[in-house]
């Protein structure tokens, strides 16, 4: 009993200290890795909140234009980016979808005909950092929403 690998008691304490510090470092690295993952998730959630805000803004402008009657128009400025990420806004007859970083944010609206002036289409793409006019136009016997970029 009392026999050690080394004859030096201080060396035994030093080895115990090194092992303890190694285990402490492993635990700290694990905790930091988890924290980094959580922070990344928070960043993605903030992106989605901004994307949803943009989709609600566009959907609201479309509803306002449509309910305003023939000739009513709204100008809307799209942001440069969403937290540094590129995004696109797709508008169709059932609502607005913002796509950013592989994620989608949706805002639904009452069904109405959507188009732009270049072609009679059912899906319009809105790009970042551009200004758009959303206009209520009479086509035959019903109204439709026309979206076109001005800058």
C-alpha atoms as a PDB file:
ATOM      1  CA  UNK A   1       0.000   0.000   0.000  1.00  0.00           C
ATOM      2  CA  UNK A   2       1.194   3.522  -0.649  1.00  0.00           C
ATOM      3  CA  UNK A   3       3.215   2.351  -3.626  1.00  0.00           C
ATOM      4  CA  UNK A   4       3.119   4.792  -6.566  1.00  0.00           C
ATOM      5  CA  UNK A   5       4.311   4.579 -10.155  1.00  0.00           C
ATOM      6  CA  UNK A   6       6.751   7.351  -9.497  1.00  0.00           C
ATOM      7  CA  UNK A   7       8.723   7.783  -6.371  1.00  0.00           C
ATOM      8  CA  UNK A   8       8.046  11.529  -6.447  1.00  0.00           C
ATOM      9  CA  UNK A   9       4.812  12.615  -4.692  1.00  0.00           C
ATOM     10  CA  UNK A  10       4.796  16.040  -6.481  1.00  0.00           C
ATOM     11  CA  UNK A  11       4.879  14.345  -9.899  1.00  0.00           C
ATOM     12  CA  UNK A  12       1.811  12.290  -8.970  1.00  0.00           C
ATOM     13  CA  UNK A  13      -0.078  15.453  -8.027  1.00  0.00           C
ATOM     14  CA  UNK A  14       1.016  17.084 -11.305  1.00  0.00           C
ATOM     15  CA  UNK A  15      -0.305  14.150 -13.363  1.00  0.00           C
ATOM     16  CA  UNK A  16      -3.626  14.340 -11.488  1.00  0.00           C
ATOM     17  CA  UNK A  17      -3.740  18.070 -12.207  1.00  0.00           C
ATOM     18  CA  UNK A  18      -3.065  17.549 -15.940  1.00  0.00           C
ATOM     19  CA  UNK A  19      -5.789  14.897 -16.211  1.00  0.00           C
ATOM     20  CA  UNK A  20      -8.255  17.102 -14.326  1.00  0.00           C
ATOM     21  CA  UNK A  21      -7.478  20.076 -16.575  1.00  0.00           C
ATOM     22  CA  UNK A  22      -7.885  17.883 -19.670  1.00  0.00           C
ATOM     23  CA  UNK A  23     -11.338  16.719 -18.521  1.00  0.00           C
ATOM     24  CA  UNK A  24     -12.298  20.300 -17.670  1.00  0.00           C
ATOM     25  CA  UNK A  25     -11.251  21.439 -21.170  1.00  0.00           C
ATOM     26  CA  UNK A  26     -13.311  18.650 -22.781  1.00  0.00           C
ATOM     27  CA  UNK A  27     -16.376  19.723 -20.807  1.00  0.00           C
ATOM     28  CA  UNK A  28     -15.853  23.415 -21.672  1.00  0.00           C
ATOM     29  CA  UNK A  29     -15.455  22.663 -25.391  1.00  0.00           C
ATOM     30  CA  UNK A  30     -18.673  20.618 -25.305  1.00  0.00           C
ATOM     31  CA  UNK A  31     -20.579  23.438 -23.614  1.00  0.00           C
ATOM     32  CA  UNK A  32     -19.216  26.027 -26.084  1.00  0.00           C
ATOM     33  CA  UNK A  33     -20.209  23.811 -29.001  1.00  0.00           C
ATOM     34  CA  UNK A  34     -23.768  23.578 -27.680  1.00  0.00           C
ATOM     35  CA  UNK A  35     -23.909  27.333 -27.102  1.00  0.00           C
ATOM     36  CA  UNK A  36     -22.697  28.011 -30.645  1.00  0.00           C
ATOM     37  CA  UNK A  37     -25.436  25.764 -32.046  1.00  0.00           C
ATOM     38  CA  UNK A  38     -28.056  27.588 -30.000  1.00  0.00           C
ATOM     39  CA  UNK A  39     -26.804  30.991 -31.160  1.00  0.00           C
ATOM     40  CA  UNK A  40     -26.947  29.841 -34.775  1.00  0.00           C
ATOM     41  CA  UNK A  41     -30.548  28.728 -34.245  1.00  0.00           C
ATOM     42  CA  UNK A  42     -31.388  32.133 -32.768  1.00  0.00           C
ATOM     43  CA  UNK A  43     -29.840  33.821 -35.830  1.00  0.00           C
ATOM     44  CA  UNK A  44     -31.979  31.683 -38.164  1.00  0.00           C
ATOM     45  CA  UNK A  45     -35.063  32.482 -36.106  1.00  0.00           C
ATOM     46  CA  UNK A  46     -34.332  36.215 -36.448  1.00  0.00           C
ATOM     47  CA  UNK A  47     -33.988  35.759 -40.225  1.00  0.00           C
ATOM     48  CA  UNK A  48     -37.361  34.022 -40.336  1.00  0.00           C
ATOM     49  CA  UNK A  49     -38.986  36.755 -38.261  1.00  0.00           C
ATOM     50  CA  UNK A  50     -37.747  39.371 -40.734  1.00  0.00           C
ATOM     51  CA  UNK A  51     -38.818  37.203 -43.683  1.00  0.00           C
ATOM     52  CA  UNK A  52     -42.283  36.818 -42.190  1.00  0.00           C
ATOM     53  CA  UNK A  53     -42.426  40.570 -41.612  1.00  0.00           C
ATOM     54  CA  UNK A  54     -41.623  41.199 -45.292  1.00  0.00           C
ATOM     55  CA  UNK A  55     -44.246  38.684 -46.430  1.00  0.00           C
ATOM     56  CA  UNK A  56     -46.867  40.321 -44.181  1.00  0.00           C
ATOM     57  CA  UNK A  57     -45.902  43.767 -45.496  1.00  0.00           C
ATOM     58  CA  UNK A  58     -46.314  42.674 -49.132  1.00  0.00           C
ATOM     59  CA  UNK A  59     -49.549  40.774 -48.423  1.00  0.00           C
ATOM     60  CA  UNK A  60     -50.955  43.782 -46.581  1.00  0.00           C
ATOM     61  CA  UNK A  61     -50.068  46.083 -49.487  1.00  0.00           C
ATOM     62  CA  UNK A  62     -51.809  43.703 -51.910  1.00  0.00           C
ATOM     63  CA  UNK A  63     -54.924  43.562 -49.734  1.00  0.00           C
ATOM     64  CA  UNK A  64     -54.961  47.355 -49.391  1.00  0.00           C
ATOM     65  CA  UNK A  65     -54.596  47.785 -53.147  1.00  0.00           C
ATOM     66  CA  UNK A  66     -57.304  45.256 -53.957  1.00  0.00           C
ATOM     67  CA  UNK A  67     -59.787  46.624 -51.440  1.00  0.00           C
ATOM     68  CA  UNK A  68     -59.090  50.209 -52.614  1.00  0.00           C
ATOM     69  CA  UNK A  69     -60.764  49.527 -55.947  1.00  0.00           C
ATOM     70  CA  UNK A  70     -59.770  50.152 -59.526  1.00  0.00           C
ATOM     71  CA  UNK A  71     -56.781  52.456 -59.942  1.00  0.00           C
ATOM     72  CA  UNK A  72     -55.656  52.243 -56.307  1.00  0.00           C
ATOM     73  CA  UNK A  73     -51.919  51.678 -55.973  1.00  0.00           C
ATOM     74  CA  UNK A  74     -49.331  51.255 -53.259  1.00  0.00           C
ATOM     75  CA  UNK A  75     -45.567  51.735 -53.522  1.00  0.00           C
ATOM     76  CA  UNK A  76     -43.420  49.310 -51.563  1.00  0.00           C
ATOM     77  CA  UNK A  77     -39.634  49.326 -51.039  1.00  0.00           C
ATOM     78  CA  UNK A  78     -37.955  45.962 -50.538  1.00  0.00           C
ATOM     79  CA  UNK A  79     -35.048  45.792 -48.035  1.00  0.00           C
ATOM     80  CA  UNK A  80     -31.483  45.233 -49.240  1.00  0.00           C
ATOM     81  CA  UNK A  81     -31.157  41.871 -47.444  1.00  0.00           C
ATOM     82  CA  UNK A  82     -32.319  39.858 -44.468  1.00  0.00           C
ATOM     83  CA  UNK A  83     -29.552  39.818 -41.832  1.00  0.00           C
ATOM     84  CA  UNK A  84     -26.954  39.789 -44.607  1.00  0.00           C
ATOM     85  CA  UNK A  85     -28.653  36.988 -46.579  1.00  0.00           C
ATOM     86  CA  UNK A  86     -30.102  37.192 -50.091  1.00  0.00           C
ATOM     87  CA  UNK A  87     -33.841  36.579 -50.353  1.00  0.00           C
ATOM     88  CA  UNK A  88     -36.635  36.462 -52.940  1.00  0.00           C
ATOM     89  CA  UNK A  89     -40.334  37.163 -52.611  1.00  0.00           C
ATOM     90  CA  UNK A  90     -42.828  35.140 -54.641  1.00  0.00           C
ATOM     91  CA  UNK A  91     -46.398  36.369 -54.973  1.00  0.00           C
ATOM     92  CA  UNK A  92     -49.211  34.261 -56.383  1.00  0.00           C
ATOM     93  CA  UNK A  93     -52.997  34.130 -56.168  1.00  0.00           C
ATOM     94  CA  UNK A  94     -53.087  32.611 -52.701  1.00  0.00           C
ATOM     95  CA  UNK A  95     -50.428  34.649 -50.899  1.00  0.00           C
ATOM     96  CA  UNK A  96     -46.816  35.683 -50.479  1.00  0.00           C
ATOM     97  CA  UNK A  97     -43.773  33.490 -49.853  1.00  0.00           C
ATOM     98  CA  UNK A  98     -40.331  34.782 -48.855  1.00  0.00           C
ATOM     99  CA  UNK A  99     -37.419  32.403 -49.434  1.00  0.00           C
ATOM    100  CA  UNK A 100     -34.183  33.005 -47.518  1.00  0.00           C
ATOM    101  CA  UNK A 101     -31.390  30.571 -46.752  1.00  0.00           C
ATOM    102  CA  UNK A 102     -33.426  27.504 -47.731  1.00  0.00           C
ATOM    103  CA  UNK A 103     -36.285  28.500 -45.404  1.00  0.00           C
ATOM    104  CA  UNK A 104     -39.711  29.855 -46.389  1.00  0.00           C
ATOM    105  CA  UNK A 105     -42.051  32.314 -44.710  1.00  0.00           C
ATOM    106  CA  UNK A 106     -45.668  32.468 -45.871  1.00  0.00           C
ATOM    107  CA  UNK A 107     -48.494  34.975 -45.632  1.00  0.00           C
ATOM    108  CA  UNK A 108     -51.817  33.918 -47.048  1.00  0.00           C
ATOM    109  CA  UNK A 109     -54.486  36.158 -48.530  1.00  0.00           C
ATOM    110  CA  UNK A 110     -57.861  35.906 -50.233  1.00  0.00           C
ATOM    111  CA  UNK A 111     -57.576  34.521 -53.726  1.00  0.00           C
ATOM    112  CA  UNK A 112     -57.192  37.177 -56.405  1.00  0.00           C
ATOM    113  CA  UNK A 113     -55.580  37.390 -59.802  1.00  0.00           C
ATOM    114  CA  UNK A 114     -51.920  38.506 -59.632  1.00  0.00           C
ATOM    115  CA  UNK A 115     -49.790  39.525 -62.601  1.00  0.00           C
ATOM    116  CA  UNK A 116     -47.171  41.957 -63.831  1.00  0.00           C
ATOM    117  CA  UNK A 117     -47.151  44.149 -66.927  1.00  0.00           C
ATOM    118  CA  UNK A 118     -44.573  42.137 -68.887  1.00  0.00           C
ATOM    119  CA  UNK A 119     -46.713  38.991 -69.070  1.00  0.00           C
ATOM    120  CA  UNK A 120     -49.992  37.676 -67.804  1.00  0.00           C
ATOM    121  CA  UNK A 121     -48.676  35.254 -65.220  1.00  0.00           C
ATOM    122  CA  UNK A 122     -49.876  33.801 -61.976  1.00  0.00           C
ATOM    123  CA  UNK A 123     -46.567  34.172 -60.079  1.00  0.00           C
ATOM    124  CA  UNK A 124     -44.551  37.374 -59.639  1.00  0.00           C
ATOM    125  CA  UNK A 125     -41.008  37.451 -58.223  1.00  0.00           C
ATOM    126  CA  UNK A 126     -39.945  40.488 -56.194  1.00  0.00           C
ATOM    127  CA  UNK A 127     -36.217  41.070 -55.680  1.00  0.00           C
ATOM    128  CA  UNK A 128     -34.299  42.790 -52.859  1.00  0.00           C
ATOM    129  CA  UNK A 129     -33.445  46.493 -52.871  1.00  0.00           C
ATOM    130  CA  UNK A 130     -36.056  47.410 -55.479  1.00  0.00           C
ATOM    131  CA  UNK A 131     -39.169  49.544 -55.393  1.00  0.00           C
ATOM    132  CA  UNK A 132     -42.450  48.085 -56.627  1.00  0.00           C
ATOM    133  CA  UNK A 133     -45.836  49.526 -57.476  1.00  0.00           C
ATOM    134  CA  UNK A 134     -48.807  47.323 -56.627  1.00  0.00           C
ATOM    135  CA  UNK A 135     -51.831  48.506 -58.631  1.00  0.00           C
ATOM    136  CA  UNK A 136     -55.481  47.449 -58.867  1.00  0.00           C
ATOM    137  CA  UNK A 137     -56.395  47.173 -62.558  1.00  0.00           C
ATOM    138  CA  UNK A 138     -59.741  46.306 -64.144  1.00  0.00           C
ATOM    139  CA  UNK A 139     -59.545  43.416 -66.581  1.00  0.00           C
ATOM    140  CA  UNK A 140     -62.753  42.607 -68.424  1.00  0.00           C
ATOM    141  CA  UNK A 141     -65.341  42.376 -65.624  1.00  0.00           C
ATOM    142  CA  UNK A 142     -63.067  41.739 -62.645  1.00  0.00           C
ATOM    143  CA  UNK A 143     -60.162  43.412 -60.902  1.00  0.00           C
ATOM    144  CA  UNK A 144     -56.642  42.069 -60.721  1.00  0.00           C
ATOM    145  CA  UNK A 145     -53.490  43.102 -58.871  1.00  0.00           C
ATOM    146  CA  UNK A 146     -50.531  44.093 -61.047  1.00  0.00           C
ATOM    147  CA  UNK A 147     -47.039  44.243 -59.517  1.00  0.00           C
ATOM    148  CA  UNK A 148     -44.225  45.950 -61.384  1.00  0.00           C
ATOM    149  CA  UNK A 149     -40.779  47.214 -60.434  1.00  0.00           C
ATOM    150  CA  UNK A 150     -39.855  50.869 -60.872  1.00  0.00           C
ATOM    151  CA  UNK A 151     -36.313  50.864 -59.571  1.00  0.00           C
END
